[in-house]
C-alpha atoms as a PDB file:
ATOM      1  CA  MET A   1     121.744 105.495 101.766  1.00  0.00           C
ATOM      2  CA  LYS A   2     121.036 106.312 105.351  1.00  0.00           C
ATOM      3  CA  LYS A   3     117.514 105.558 106.475  1.00  0.00           C
ATOM      4  CA  THR A   4     115.499 107.266 109.150  1.00  0.00           C
ATOM      5  CA  LEU A   5     112.193 105.701 110.177  1.00  0.00           C
ATOM      6  CA  TYR A   6     109.456 107.619 111.866  1.00  0.00           C
ATOM      7  CA  ALA A   7     106.870 105.006 112.721  1.00  0.00           C
ATOM      8  CA  ALA A   8     104.485 106.990 114.850  1.00  0.00           C
ATOM      9  CA  VAL A   9     101.646 104.800 116.058  1.00  0.00           C
ATOM     10  CA  ALA A  10      98.589 106.959 116.629  1.00  0.00           C
ATOM     11  CA  LEU A  11      95.402 105.500 118.018  1.00  0.00           C
ATOM     12  CA  VAL A  12      91.967 106.506 116.814  1.00  0.00           C
ATOM     13  CA  ALA A  13      88.955 105.168 118.696  1.00  0.00           C
ATOM     14  CA  MET A  14      85.691 104.868 116.826  1.00  0.00           C
ATOM     15  CA  VAL A  15      82.410 103.472 118.081  1.00  0.00           C
ATOM     16  CA  ALA A  16      81.977 100.293 116.056  1.00  0.00           C
ATOM     17  CA  CYS A  17      78.339 100.024 117.093  1.00  0.00           C
ATOM     18  CA  SER A  18      77.217 103.384 115.750  1.00  0.00           C
ATOM     19  CA  ASN A  19      74.287 101.525 114.201  1.00  0.00           C
ATOM     20  CA  ASP A  20      72.904  99.018 116.678  1.00  0.00           C
ATOM     21  CA  TYR A  21      71.910  95.549 115.618  1.00  0.00           C
ATOM     22  CA  VAL A  22      68.214  95.399 116.426  1.00  0.00           C
ATOM     23  CA  VAL A  23      65.688  92.594 116.382  1.00  0.00           C
ATOM     24  CA  ASN A  24      62.317  94.164 115.665  1.00  0.00           C
ATOM     25  CA  GLY A  25      59.057  92.940 117.112  1.00  0.00           C
ATOM     26  CA  VAL A  26      56.251  91.101 115.330  1.00  0.00           C
ATOM     27  CA  ASP A  27      52.812  90.307 116.628  1.00  0.00           C
ATOM     28  CA  LYS A  28      52.893  86.638 117.730  1.00  0.00           C
ATOM     29  CA  GLU A  29      51.771  84.878 120.858  1.00  0.00           C
ATOM     30  CA  ALA A  30      54.617  82.390 120.658  1.00  0.00           C
ATOM     31  CA  ILE A  31      57.984  83.750 121.765  1.00  0.00           C
ATOM     32  CA  GLY A  32      59.482  84.882 118.470  1.00  0.00           C
ATOM     33  CA  PHE A  33      62.382  86.803 116.970  1.00  0.00           C
ATOM     34  CA  ALA A  34      62.312  89.031 113.901  1.00  0.00           C
ATOM     35  CA  ASN A  35      64.683  90.611 111.389  1.00  0.00           C
ATOM     36  CA  VAL A  36      68.288  91.525 112.205  1.00  0.00           C
ATOM     37  CA  PHE A  37      69.977  94.499 110.553  1.00  0.00           C
ATOM     38  CA  VAL A  38      73.771  94.682 110.368  1.00  0.00           C
ATOM     39  CA  ASP A  39      75.763  97.724 109.297  1.00  0.00           C
ATOM     40  CA  ASN A  40      78.467  96.265 107.048  1.00  0.00           C
ATOM     41  CA  SER A  41      80.545  99.461 106.993  1.00  0.00           C
ATOM     42  CA  THR A  42      82.386  98.392 110.150  1.00  0.00           C
ATOM     43  CA  ARG A  43      83.003  94.793 109.124  1.00  0.00           C
ATOM     44  CA  SER A  44      86.397  93.387 108.325  1.00  0.00           C
ATOM     45  CA  ALA A  45      87.319  92.129 104.868  1.00  0.00           C
ATOM     46  CA  VAL A  46      86.948  88.507 105.982  1.00  0.00           C
ATOM     47  CA  ASP A  47      84.846  87.467 108.966  1.00  0.00           C
ATOM     48  CA  PRO A  48      83.254  84.006 109.181  1.00  0.00           C
ATOM     49  CA  SER A  49      80.697  85.378 111.653  1.00  0.00           C
ATOM     50  CA  TYR A  50      78.698  86.734 108.712  1.00  0.00           C
ATOM     51  CA  ASN A  51      77.083  85.172 105.653  1.00  0.00           C
ATOM     52  CA  ASN A  52      76.792  86.496 102.116  1.00  0.00           C
ATOM     53  CA  ASN A  53      73.978  88.813 103.230  1.00  0.00           C
ATOM     54  CA  LYS A  54      76.336  90.405 105.788  1.00  0.00           C
ATOM     55  CA  LEU A  55      74.295  88.972 108.668  1.00  0.00           C
ATOM     56  CA  PHE A  56      75.438  86.521 111.279  1.00  0.00           C
ATOM     57  CA  ALA A  57      73.822  83.211 110.408  1.00  0.00           C
ATOM     58  CA  ASP A  58      72.439  82.502 113.862  1.00  0.00           C
ATOM     59  CA  PHE A  59      72.560  83.401 117.530  1.00  0.00           C
ATOM     60  CA  GLN A  60      71.903  81.480 120.721  1.00  0.00           C
ATOM     61  CA  VAL A  61      69.261  82.622 123.183  1.00  0.00           C
ATOM     62  CA  TYR A  62      69.096  81.977 126.918  1.00  0.00           C
ATOM     63  CA  ALA A  63      65.825  82.714 128.695  1.00  0.00           C
ATOM     64  CA  TYR A  64      64.552  82.715 132.262  1.00  0.00           C
ATOM     65  CA  VAL A  65      60.930  82.779 133.359  1.00  0.00           C
ATOM     66  CA  GLU A  66      60.441  83.827 136.975  1.00  0.00           C
ATOM     67  CA  GLY A  67      64.168  83.068 137.494  1.00  0.00           C
ATOM     68  CA  THR A  68      63.953  79.527 136.086  1.00  0.00           C
ATOM     69  CA  PRO A  69      65.980  78.679 132.919  1.00  0.00           C
ATOM     70  CA  LEU A  70      63.294  78.210 130.272  1.00  0.00           C
ATOM     71  CA  PHE A  71      65.496  76.879 127.453  1.00  0.00           C
ATOM     72  CA  PHE A  72      67.732  74.627 129.575  1.00  0.00           C
ATOM     73  CA  ASN A  73      67.029  70.901 129.578  1.00  0.00           C
ATOM     74  CA  ASP A  74      68.065  70.630 133.207  1.00  0.00           C
ATOM     75  CA  GLU A  75      70.255  72.305 135.796  1.00  0.00           C
ATOM     76  CA  ASP A  76      73.450  70.818 134.374  1.00  0.00           C
ATOM     77  CA  THR A  77      73.207  71.862 130.723  1.00  0.00           C
ATOM     78  CA  ASN A  78      74.604  75.124 129.379  1.00  0.00           C
ATOM     79  CA  THR A  79      72.916  75.024 125.976  1.00  0.00           C
ATOM     80  CA  GLY A  80      70.312  77.567 124.938  1.00  0.00           C
ATOM     81  CA  VAL A  81      68.100  77.585 121.861  1.00  0.00           C
ATOM     82  CA  THR A  82      69.698  78.412 118.510  1.00  0.00           C
ATOM     83  CA  VAL A  83      67.817  81.000 116.451  1.00  0.00           C
ATOM     84  CA  LYS A  84      68.650  80.713 112.745  1.00  0.00           C
ATOM     85  CA  GLY A  85      68.226  83.292 110.033  1.00  0.00           C
ATOM     86  CA  ALA A  86      66.875  82.602 106.542  1.00  0.00           C
ATOM     87  CA  THR A  87      66.714  85.108 103.697  1.00  0.00           C
ATOM     88  CA  VAL A  88      64.017  84.805 101.009  1.00  0.00           C
ATOM     89  CA  ASP A  89      63.604  87.524  98.362  1.00  0.00           C
ATOM     90  CA  GLY A  90      65.806  89.824 100.388  1.00  0.00           C
ATOM     91  CA  VAL A  91      63.775  89.421 103.598  1.00  0.00           C
ATOM     92  CA  THR A  92      65.449  87.712 106.561  1.00  0.00           C
ATOM     93  CA  THR A  93      63.355  85.906 109.169  1.00  0.00           C
ATOM     94  CA  TRP A  94      64.503  84.181 112.341  1.00  0.00           C
ATOM     95  CA  ALA A  95      63.197  80.901 113.747  1.00  0.00           C
ATOM     96  CA  TYR A  96      64.034  78.191 116.280  1.00  0.00           C
ATOM     97  CA  ASP A  97      62.926  74.627 116.916  1.00  0.00           C
ATOM     98  CA  GLY A  98      60.419  73.823 119.669  1.00  0.00           C
ATOM     99  CA  LEU A  99      58.338  76.962 120.070  1.00  0.00           C
ATOM    100  CA  LYS A 100      57.878  78.318 123.578  1.00  0.00           C
ATOM    101  CA  PHE A 101      54.735  80.265 124.489  1.00  0.00           C
ATOM    102  CA  TRP A 102      54.244  83.240 126.731  1.00  0.00           C
ATOM    103  CA  ILE A 103      52.851  82.620 130.198  1.00  0.00           C
ATOM    104  CA  PRO A 104      50.607  85.602 131.028  1.00  0.00           C
ATOM    105  CA  THR A 105      51.882  87.882 133.834  1.00  0.00           C
ATOM    106  CA  ALA A 106      55.122  85.865 134.154  1.00  0.00           C
ATOM    107  CA  LYS A 107      58.383  87.841 134.114  1.00  0.00           C
ATOM    108  CA  TYR A 108      60.983  86.915 131.453  1.00  0.00           C
ATOM    109  CA  ASN A 109      64.659  87.683 130.974  1.00  0.00           C
ATOM    110  CA  PHE A 110      66.366  86.988 127.632  1.00  0.00           C
ATOM    111  CA  SER A 111      69.993  87.139 126.550  1.00  0.00           C
ATOM    112  CA  ALA A 112      71.635  86.232 123.248  1.00  0.00           C
ATOM    113  CA  VAL A 113      75.147  85.530 121.981  1.00  0.00           C
ATOM    114  CA  ALA A 114      76.218  85.674 118.319  1.00  0.00           C
ATOM    115  CA  PRO A 115      77.389  83.979 116.262  1.00  0.00           C
ATOM    116  CA  LYS A 116      76.544  80.420 117.225  1.00  0.00           C
ATOM    117  CA  THR A 117      77.967  78.800 114.077  1.00  0.00           C
ATOM    118  CA  ASN A 118      81.765  79.264 113.963  1.00  0.00           C
ATOM    119  CA  GLY A 119      81.577  80.962 117.347  1.00  0.00           C
ATOM    120  CA  ASN A 120      84.515  80.352 119.694  1.00  0.00           C
ATOM    121  CA  TRP A 121      82.620  80.652 122.956  1.00  0.00           C
ATOM    122  CA  GLU A 122      80.800  78.592 125.578  1.00  0.00           C
ATOM    123  CA  MET A 123      78.353  79.729 128.226  1.00  0.00           C
ATOM    124  CA  LEU A 124      79.461  78.810 131.749  1.00  0.00           C
ATOM    125  CA  LYS A 125      77.239  78.217 134.743  1.00  0.00           C
ATOM    126  CA  GLU A 126      80.067  79.548 136.887  1.00  0.00           C
ATOM    127  CA  GLY A 127      83.416  81.019 136.010  1.00  0.00           C
ATOM    128  CA  ALA A 128      86.133  83.147 137.629  1.00  0.00           C
ATOM    129  CA  GLY A 129      83.884  83.864 140.589  1.00  0.00           C
ATOM    130  CA  TYR A 130      80.869  84.769 138.418  1.00  0.00           C
ATOM    131  CA  LYS A 131      77.642  82.831 137.955  1.00  0.00           C
ATOM    132  CA  THR A 132      75.272  82.837 135.004  1.00  0.00           C
ATOM    133  CA  ASP A 133      71.749  83.773 136.066  1.00  0.00           C
ATOM    134  CA  SER A 134      68.750  85.720 134.774  1.00  0.00           C
ATOM    135  CA  ASN A 135      70.626  89.030 134.977  1.00  0.00           C
ATOM    136  CA  SER A 136      74.068  88.123 133.646  1.00  0.00           C
ATOM    137  CA  THR A 137      75.859  85.638 131.401  1.00  0.00           C
ATOM    138  CA  VAL A 138      79.360  84.208 131.848  1.00  0.00           C
ATOM    139  CA  ILE A 139      81.168  83.162 128.655  1.00  0.00           C
ATOM    140  CA  SER A 140      84.421  81.311 128.108  1.00  0.00           C
ATOM    141  CA  PHE A 141      86.000  82.642 124.898  1.00  0.00           C
ATOM    142  CA  VAL A 142      88.848  81.454 122.657  1.00  0.00           C
ATOM    143  CA  ASN A 143      90.030  84.213 120.331  1.00  0.00           C
ATOM    144  CA  ASN A 144      91.320  83.499 116.827  1.00  0.00           C
ATOM    145  CA  GLY A 145      91.356  87.143 115.773  1.00  0.00           C
ATOM    146  CA  GLU A 146      88.955  86.491 112.903  1.00  0.00           C
ATOM    147  CA  THR A 147      85.535  85.802 114.458  1.00  0.00           C
ATOM    148  CA  ASP A 148      83.315  88.468 115.970  1.00  0.00           C
ATOM    149  CA  LEU A 149      81.503  88.141 119.319  1.00  0.00           C
ATOM    150  CA  LEU A 150      78.251  89.965 120.113  1.00  0.00           C
ATOM    151  CA  TYR A 151      75.912  89.992 123.092  1.00  0.00           C
ATOM    152  CA  ALA A 152      72.387  91.225 123.728  1.00  0.00           C
ATOM    153  CA  GLN A 153      70.165  91.237 126.802  1.00  0.00           C
ATOM    154  CA  SER A 154      66.593  92.351 127.110  1.00  0.00           C
ATOM    155  CA  PRO A 155      65.154  94.174 130.101  1.00  0.00           C
ATOM    156  CA  THR A 156      62.718  92.198 132.222  1.00  0.00           C
ATOM    157  CA  ILE A 157      59.565  91.542 130.177  1.00  0.00           C
ATOM    158  CA  GLU A 158      56.190  90.857 131.805  1.00  0.00           C
ATOM    159  CA  ALA A 159      54.129  88.696 129.460  1.00  0.00           C
ATOM    160  CA  LYS A 160      50.696  89.839 128.368  1.00  0.00           C
ATOM    161  CA  THR A 161      47.664  87.671 127.715  1.00  0.00           C
ATOM    162  CA  THR A 162      47.750  88.767 124.048  1.00  0.00           C
ATOM    163  CA  GLY A 163      49.837  91.034 121.846  1.00  0.00           C
ATOM    164  CA  ASN A 164      53.265  90.197 123.231  1.00  0.00           C
ATOM    165  CA  GLY A 165      55.049  90.459 119.882  1.00  0.00           C
ATOM    166  CA  ALA A 166      58.641  89.388 119.344  1.00  0.00           C
ATOM    167  CA  VAL A 167      61.578  89.867 121.694  1.00  0.00           C
ATOM    168  CA  ALA A 168      63.666  92.891 120.677  1.00  0.00           C
ATOM    169  CA  PHE A 169      67.437  92.650 121.050  1.00  0.00           C
ATOM    170  CA  THR A 170      70.167  95.251 120.656  1.00  0.00           C
ATOM    171  CA  PHE A 171      73.465  93.473 120.113  1.00  0.00           C
ATOM    172  CA  ARG A 172      76.758  95.021 121.153  1.00  0.00           C
ATOM    173  CA  HIS A 173      80.313  94.072 120.255  1.00  0.00           C
ATOM    174  CA  ILE A 174      82.291  92.424 123.052  1.00  0.00           C
ATOM    175  CA  LEU A 175      85.698  92.572 121.354  1.00  0.00           C
ATOM    176  CA  SER A 176      87.903  95.392 120.120  1.00  0.00           C
ATOM    177  CA  LYS A 177      88.714  95.628 116.423  1.00  0.00           C
ATOM    178  CA  VAL A 178      92.095  96.715 115.033  1.00  0.00           C
ATOM    179  CA  LYS A 179      93.488  97.689 111.630  1.00  0.00           C
ATOM    180  CA  PHE A 180      96.622  99.449 110.375  1.00  0.00           C
ATOM    181  CA  SER A 181      97.142 102.489 108.163  1.00  0.00           C
ATOM    182  CA  PHE A 182     100.426 103.540 106.565  1.00  0.00           C
ATOM    183  CA  LYS A 183     101.324 107.000 105.237  1.00  0.00           C
ATOM    184  CA  ASN A 184     104.130 107.515 102.726  1.00  0.00           C
ATOM    185  CA  GLU A 185     106.108 110.684 103.363  1.00  0.00           C
ATOM    186  CA  TYR A 186     109.168 109.391 101.539  1.00  0.00           C
ATOM    187  CA  ASN A 187     109.504 112.459  99.328  1.00  0.00           C
ATOM    188  CA  ASP A 188     110.948 110.991  96.149  1.00  0.00           C
ATOM    189  CA  ASP A 189     108.958 110.867  92.924  1.00  0.00           C
ATOM    190  CA  ASN A 190     110.784 107.749  91.723  1.00  0.00           C
ATOM    191  CA  THR A 191     110.473 105.856  95.022  1.00  0.00           C
ATOM    192  CA  THR A 192     107.529 103.817  96.355  1.00  0.00           C
ATOM    193  CA  ILE A 193     106.998 101.815  99.527  1.00  0.00           C
ATOM    194  CA  ARG A 194     105.520  98.345  99.963  1.00  0.00           C
ATOM    195  CA  VAL A 195     104.409  97.242 103.470  1.00  0.00           C
ATOM    196  CA  HIS A 196     103.935  93.570 104.330  1.00  0.00           C
ATOM    197  CA  ASP A 197     104.031  90.984 107.156  1.00  0.00           C
ATOM    198  CA  ILE A 198     101.994  93.208 109.494  1.00  0.00           C
ATOM    199  CA  LYS A 199     101.490  91.400 112.803  1.00  0.00           C
ATOM    200  CA  ILE A 200     100.529  91.822 116.438  1.00  0.00           C
ATOM    201  CA  ASN A 201     102.341  89.258 118.569  1.00  0.00           C
ATOM    202  CA  ASN A 202     101.808  87.783 122.032  1.00  0.00           C
ATOM    203  CA  VAL A 203      98.038  88.333 122.088  1.00  0.00           C
ATOM    204  CA  TYR A 204      95.814  86.685 124.718  1.00  0.00           C
ATOM    205  CA  ARG A 205      93.980  83.702 123.270  1.00  0.00           C
ATOM    206  CA  ASN A 206      91.691  82.703 126.170  1.00  0.00           C
ATOM    207  CA  GLY A 207      89.462  84.686 128.483  1.00  0.00           C
ATOM    208  CA  VAL A 208      86.293  84.645 130.577  1.00  0.00           C
ATOM    209  CA  VAL A 209      83.819  87.500 130.273  1.00  0.00           C
ATOM    210  CA  LYS A 210      80.860  88.455 132.434  1.00  0.00           C
ATOM    211  CA  LEU A 211      78.052  90.217 130.563  1.00  0.00           C
ATOM    212  CA  ASP A 212      74.913  91.926 131.756  1.00  0.00           C
ATOM    213  CA  TYR A 213      72.503  94.559 130.440  1.00  0.00           C
ATOM    214  CA  GLY A 214      75.148  97.236 129.938  1.00  0.00           C
ATOM    215  CA  TYR A 215      78.383  95.977 131.479  1.00  0.00           C
ATOM    216  CA  THR A 216      81.310  93.906 130.216  1.00  0.00           C
ATOM    217  CA  SER A 217      84.049  92.505 132.472  1.00  0.00           C
ATOM    218  CA  TRP A 218      86.938  90.431 131.078  1.00  0.00           C
ATOM    219  CA  VAL A 219      88.741  88.202 133.565  1.00  0.00           C
ATOM    220  CA  GLY A 220      90.741  84.970 133.638  1.00  0.00           C
ATOM    221  CA  LEU A 221      93.007  85.759 130.672  1.00  0.00           C
ATOM    222  CA  SER A 222      95.550  83.115 129.643  1.00  0.00           C
ATOM    223  CA  ASP A 223      97.691  81.729 126.814  1.00  0.00           C
ATOM    224  CA  LYS A 224      99.392  84.848 125.512  1.00  0.00           C
ATOM    225  CA  THR A 225     100.697  83.102 122.385  1.00  0.00           C
ATOM    226  CA  LEU A 226      98.318  84.248 119.653  1.00  0.00           C
ATOM    227  CA  THR A 227      99.787  86.093 116.651  1.00  0.00           C
ATOM    228  CA  LEU A 228      97.385  88.156 114.537  1.00  0.00           C
ATOM    229  CA  ASP A 229      98.349  88.398 110.864  1.00  0.00           C
ATOM    230  CA  PHE A 230      97.068  91.516 109.070  1.00  0.00           C
ATOM    231  CA  GLY A 231      98.619  90.650 105.701  1.00  0.00           C
ATOM    232  CA  GLY A 232     100.018  93.470 103.584  1.00  0.00           C
ATOM    233  CA  ALA A 233      99.017  97.091 103.053  1.00  0.00           C
ATOM    234  CA  ASN A 234      96.765  97.685 100.055  1.00  0.00           C
ATOM    235  CA  THR A 235      95.130 100.469  98.116  1.00  0.00           C
ATOM    236  CA  THR A 236      92.089  98.249  97.649  1.00  0.00           C
ATOM    237  CA  LYS A 237      90.440  95.625  99.852  1.00  0.00           C
ATOM    238  CA  GLU A 238      89.934  93.365  96.833  1.00  0.00           C
ATOM    239  CA  ASN A 239      93.651  92.562  96.649  1.00  0.00           C
ATOM    240  CA  SER A 240      95.275  90.715  99.533  1.00  0.00           C
ATOM    241  CA  GLU A 241      98.794  91.151  98.117  1.00  0.00           C
ATOM    242  CA  PRO A 242     100.838  94.138  99.342  1.00  0.00           C
ATOM    243  CA  GLN A 243     100.897  96.964  96.811  1.00  0.00           C
ATOM    244  CA  PRO A 244     103.484  99.753  96.387  1.00  0.00           C
ATOM    245  CA  PHE A 245     102.238 103.267  97.109  1.00  0.00           C
ATOM    246  CA  GLY A 246     103.782 106.625  96.385  1.00  0.00           C
ATOM    247  CA  PHE A 247     104.545 109.831  98.216  1.00  0.00           C
ATOM    248  CA  GLY A 248     101.500 111.382  99.892  1.00  0.00           C
ATOM    249  CA  GLN A 249      99.419 108.212  99.690  1.00  0.00           C
ATOM    250  CA  GLU A 250      97.859 106.291 102.584  1.00  0.00           C
ATOM    251  CA  VAL A 251      96.925 102.595 102.517  1.00  0.00           C
ATOM    252  CA  GLU A 252      95.379 100.122 104.978  1.00  0.00           C
ATOM    253  CA  SER A 253      96.090  96.590 106.097  1.00  0.00           C
ATOM    254  CA  HIS A 254      94.069  94.101 104.079  1.00  0.00           C
ATOM    255  CA  TYR A 255      92.701  92.418 107.217  1.00  0.00           C
ATOM    256  CA  GLU A 256      91.105  93.704 110.381  1.00  0.00           C
ATOM    257  CA  ARG A 257      91.414  91.532 113.475  1.00  0.00           C
ATOM    258  CA  PHE A 258      89.671  91.165 116.837  1.00  0.00           C
ATOM    259  CA  LEU A 259      91.326  91.399 120.264  1.00  0.00           C
ATOM    260  CA  ILE A 260      90.128  90.845 123.805  1.00  0.00           C
ATOM    261  CA  PRO A 261      89.602  94.415 125.103  1.00  0.00           C
ATOM    262  CA  ILE A 262      91.994  94.931 128.003  1.00  0.00           C
ATOM    263  CA  ASN A 263      94.780  97.327 128.918  1.00  0.00           C
ATOM    264  CA  ASN A 264      98.063  95.683 127.931  1.00  0.00           C
ATOM    265  CA  GLU A 265     101.132  96.208 125.778  1.00  0.00           C
ATOM    266  CA  LEU A 266     100.986  95.017 122.188  1.00  0.00           C
ATOM    267  CA  ASN A 267     104.058  93.933 120.235  1.00  0.00           C
ATOM    268  CA  ILE A 268     103.686  95.201 116.648  1.00  0.00           C
ATOM    269  CA  THR A 269     105.954  94.188 113.778  1.00  0.00           C
ATOM    270  CA  PHE A 270     105.919  94.858 110.050  1.00  0.00           C
ATOM    271  CA  LYS A 271     108.288  95.081 107.085  1.00  0.00           C
ATOM    272  CA  TYR A 272     108.542  97.639 104.322  1.00  0.00           C
ATOM    273  CA  ASP A 273     110.442  97.697 101.053  1.00  0.00           C
ATOM    274  CA  ILE A 274     112.007 100.736  99.415  1.00  0.00           C
ATOM    275  CA  ILE A 275     111.378 100.448  95.676  1.00  0.00           C
ATOM    276  CA  VAL A 276     113.214 102.685  93.212  1.00  0.00           C
ATOM    277  CA  GLY A 277     111.661 102.493  89.774  1.00  0.00           C
ATOM    278  CA  ASP A 278     110.678  98.843  89.571  1.00  0.00           C
ATOM    279  CA  GLN A 279     113.553  97.504  91.670  1.00  0.00           C
ATOM    280  CA  SER A 280     113.248  96.598  95.359  1.00  0.00           C
ATOM    281  CA  ILE A 281     116.392  98.123  96.879  1.00  0.00           C
ATOM    282  CA  LYS A 282     116.129  97.547 100.626  1.00  0.00           C
ATOM    283  CA  THR A 283     113.794  95.917 103.184  1.00  0.00           C
ATOM    284  CA  PHE A 284     113.458  97.267 106.716  1.00  0.00           C
ATOM    285  CA  ASP A 285     112.081  95.450 109.783  1.00  0.00           C
ATOM    286  CA  VAL A 286     110.086  97.527 112.256  1.00  0.00           C
ATOM    287  CA  GLU A 287     109.140  96.539 115.807  1.00  0.00           C
ATOM    288  CA  SER A 288     107.250  98.631 118.325  1.00  0.00           C
ATOM    289  CA  ASN A 289     105.629  97.994 121.703  1.00  0.00           C
ATOM    290  CA  VAL A 290     102.457  99.997 122.203  1.00  0.00           C
ATOM    291  CA  GLU A 291     100.258 100.091 125.298  1.00  0.00           C
ATOM    292  CA  ILE A 292      96.605 100.978 124.890  1.00  0.00           C
ATOM    293  CA  ASN A 293      93.521 100.642 127.045  1.00  0.00           C
ATOM    294  CA  ARG A 294      91.194  98.893 124.589  1.00  0.00           C
ATOM    295  CA  GLN A 295      87.439  98.911 125.138  1.00  0.00           C
ATOM    296  CA  PRO A 296      84.647  96.591 123.938  1.00  0.00           C
ATOM    297  CA  GLY A 297      82.928  97.719 120.766  1.00  0.00           C
ATOM    298  CA  LYS A 298      85.681 100.160 119.783  1.00  0.00           C
ATOM    299  CA  ALA A 299      87.666 100.088 116.533  1.00  0.00           C
ATOM    300  CA  TYR A 300      91.308 101.189 116.619  1.00  0.00           C
ATOM    301  CA  ASP A 301      93.485 102.367 113.742  1.00  0.00           C
ATOM    302  CA  PHE A 302      97.264 102.050 114.227  1.00  0.00           C
ATOM    303  CA  VAL A 303      98.805 104.700 111.964  1.00  0.00           C
ATOM    304  CA  ALA A 304     102.475 104.505 110.904  1.00  0.00           C
ATOM    305  CA  THR A 305     104.102 107.312 108.929  1.00  0.00           C
ATOM    306  CA  ILE A 306     107.202 106.350 106.975  1.00  0.00           C
ATOM    307  CA  THR A 307     109.569 109.195 106.069  1.00  0.00           C
ATOM    308  CA  SER A 308     112.709 109.341 103.975  1.00  0.00           C
ATOM    309  CA  GLY A 309     116.188 109.442 105.468  1.00  0.00           C
ATOM    310  CA  GLU A 310     118.717 112.153 104.886  1.00  0.00           C
ATOM    311  CA  PRO A 311     119.055 113.186 101.222  1.00  0.00           C
ATOM    312  CA  ILE A 312     122.245 112.309  99.359  1.00  0.00           C
ATOM    313  CA  VAL A 313     124.228 115.539  99.033  1.00  0.00           C
ATOM    314  CA  PHE A 314     127.670 116.455  97.692  1.00  0.00           C
ATOM    315  CA  LYS A 315     130.207 119.041  98.722  1.00  0.00           C
ATOM    316  CA  VAL A 316     133.663 120.063  97.486  1.00  0.00           C
ATOM    317  CA  GLU A 317     136.316 119.417 100.127  1.00  0.00           C
ATOM    318  CA  GLU A 318     139.258 121.145  98.406  1.00  0.00           C
ATOM    319  CA  ILE A 319     140.305 122.724  95.127  1.00  0.00           C
ATOM    320  CA  LYS A 320     143.949 122.123  94.122  1.00  0.00           C
ATOM    321  CA  ASN A 321     146.076 123.742  91.441  1.00  0.00           C
ATOM    322  CA  TRP A 322     146.857 121.754  88.342  1.00  0.00           C
ATOM    323  CA  ASP A 323     150.155 119.919  88.677  1.00  0.00           C
ATOM    324  CA  ILE A 324     152.861 121.030  86.309  1.00  0.00           C
ATOM    325  CA  THR A 325     154.837 118.113  84.960  1.00  0.00           C
ATOM    326  CA  PRO A 326     158.607 118.603  85.606  1.00  0.00           C
ATOM    327  CA  GLY A 327     160.574 119.394  82.443  1.00  0.00           C
ATOM    328  CA  SER A 328     157.653 120.863  80.615  1.00  0.00           C
ATOM    329  CA  GLN A 329     158.162 124.095  78.745  1.00  0.00           C
ATOM    330  CA  THR A 330     156.521 127.293  79.826  1.00  0.00           C
ATOM    331  CA  MET A 331     155.996 130.378  77.810  1.00  0.00           C
END
């Protein structure tokens, strides 16, 4: 059997933040934070950033009042205040230790990074030529491909004497998200395909990112040794094992993974089995290098179409006369 593989990798960009993550205001004189809504439709099958209620468990807030870091202990600490979520009877509220109170007419700037728990980031006072201040935040990030990273920054807020309410945040994704889709165009009713060992190799693990009200800049990338494992292709997200699929069907990788959003070449590998009846006949290894300019907050779908090779055909080379055995009688 001769095989021909057409593994066309098509890229589809979707805005992962079509529904923003918003912290709504409540009427308090203390600086407070309210409910957080998360659209789960864009979440990966497994992401430790989120709890059973599909919300990130907490986020860390940095605040400046008149340019002075309000939540810092001193000039040398890089720790903000951790705001934790709690859900009671389906209602999620957010709280932090050591309430801070509004100073009338003072100007405030707030920023927030999520998640705090299981987050692989650290705020830097200075990094790669950037400096954290009231208008921007510099983060050192270590990617594992499995944990989300979100950022929010409020506009400058001038405190009132009364009726300040809660700080409203709109979080945005800082990473790109990737999954794989596979189409079976192997036109044989008795043949199925099983895709497994889907990976992106040589991914950047470390980076520094500068964030402000509407701008993201990734710099200082290093350690290009991370391999992202997407598992096998499945017809259902509930099953992590690769499943055979027939002609005309399309399946997805079980896992979605996160990447630092830059323009670089990705090394993609996967394997697929040709199954005739219930017997695995042949396994093929596929490798492809794909360059794409990834952007923060975008989700990308790598689509591979697997087609059959040439059909097995027969032809008659020559037709010969019957041999007549010597000595035989003829009539």
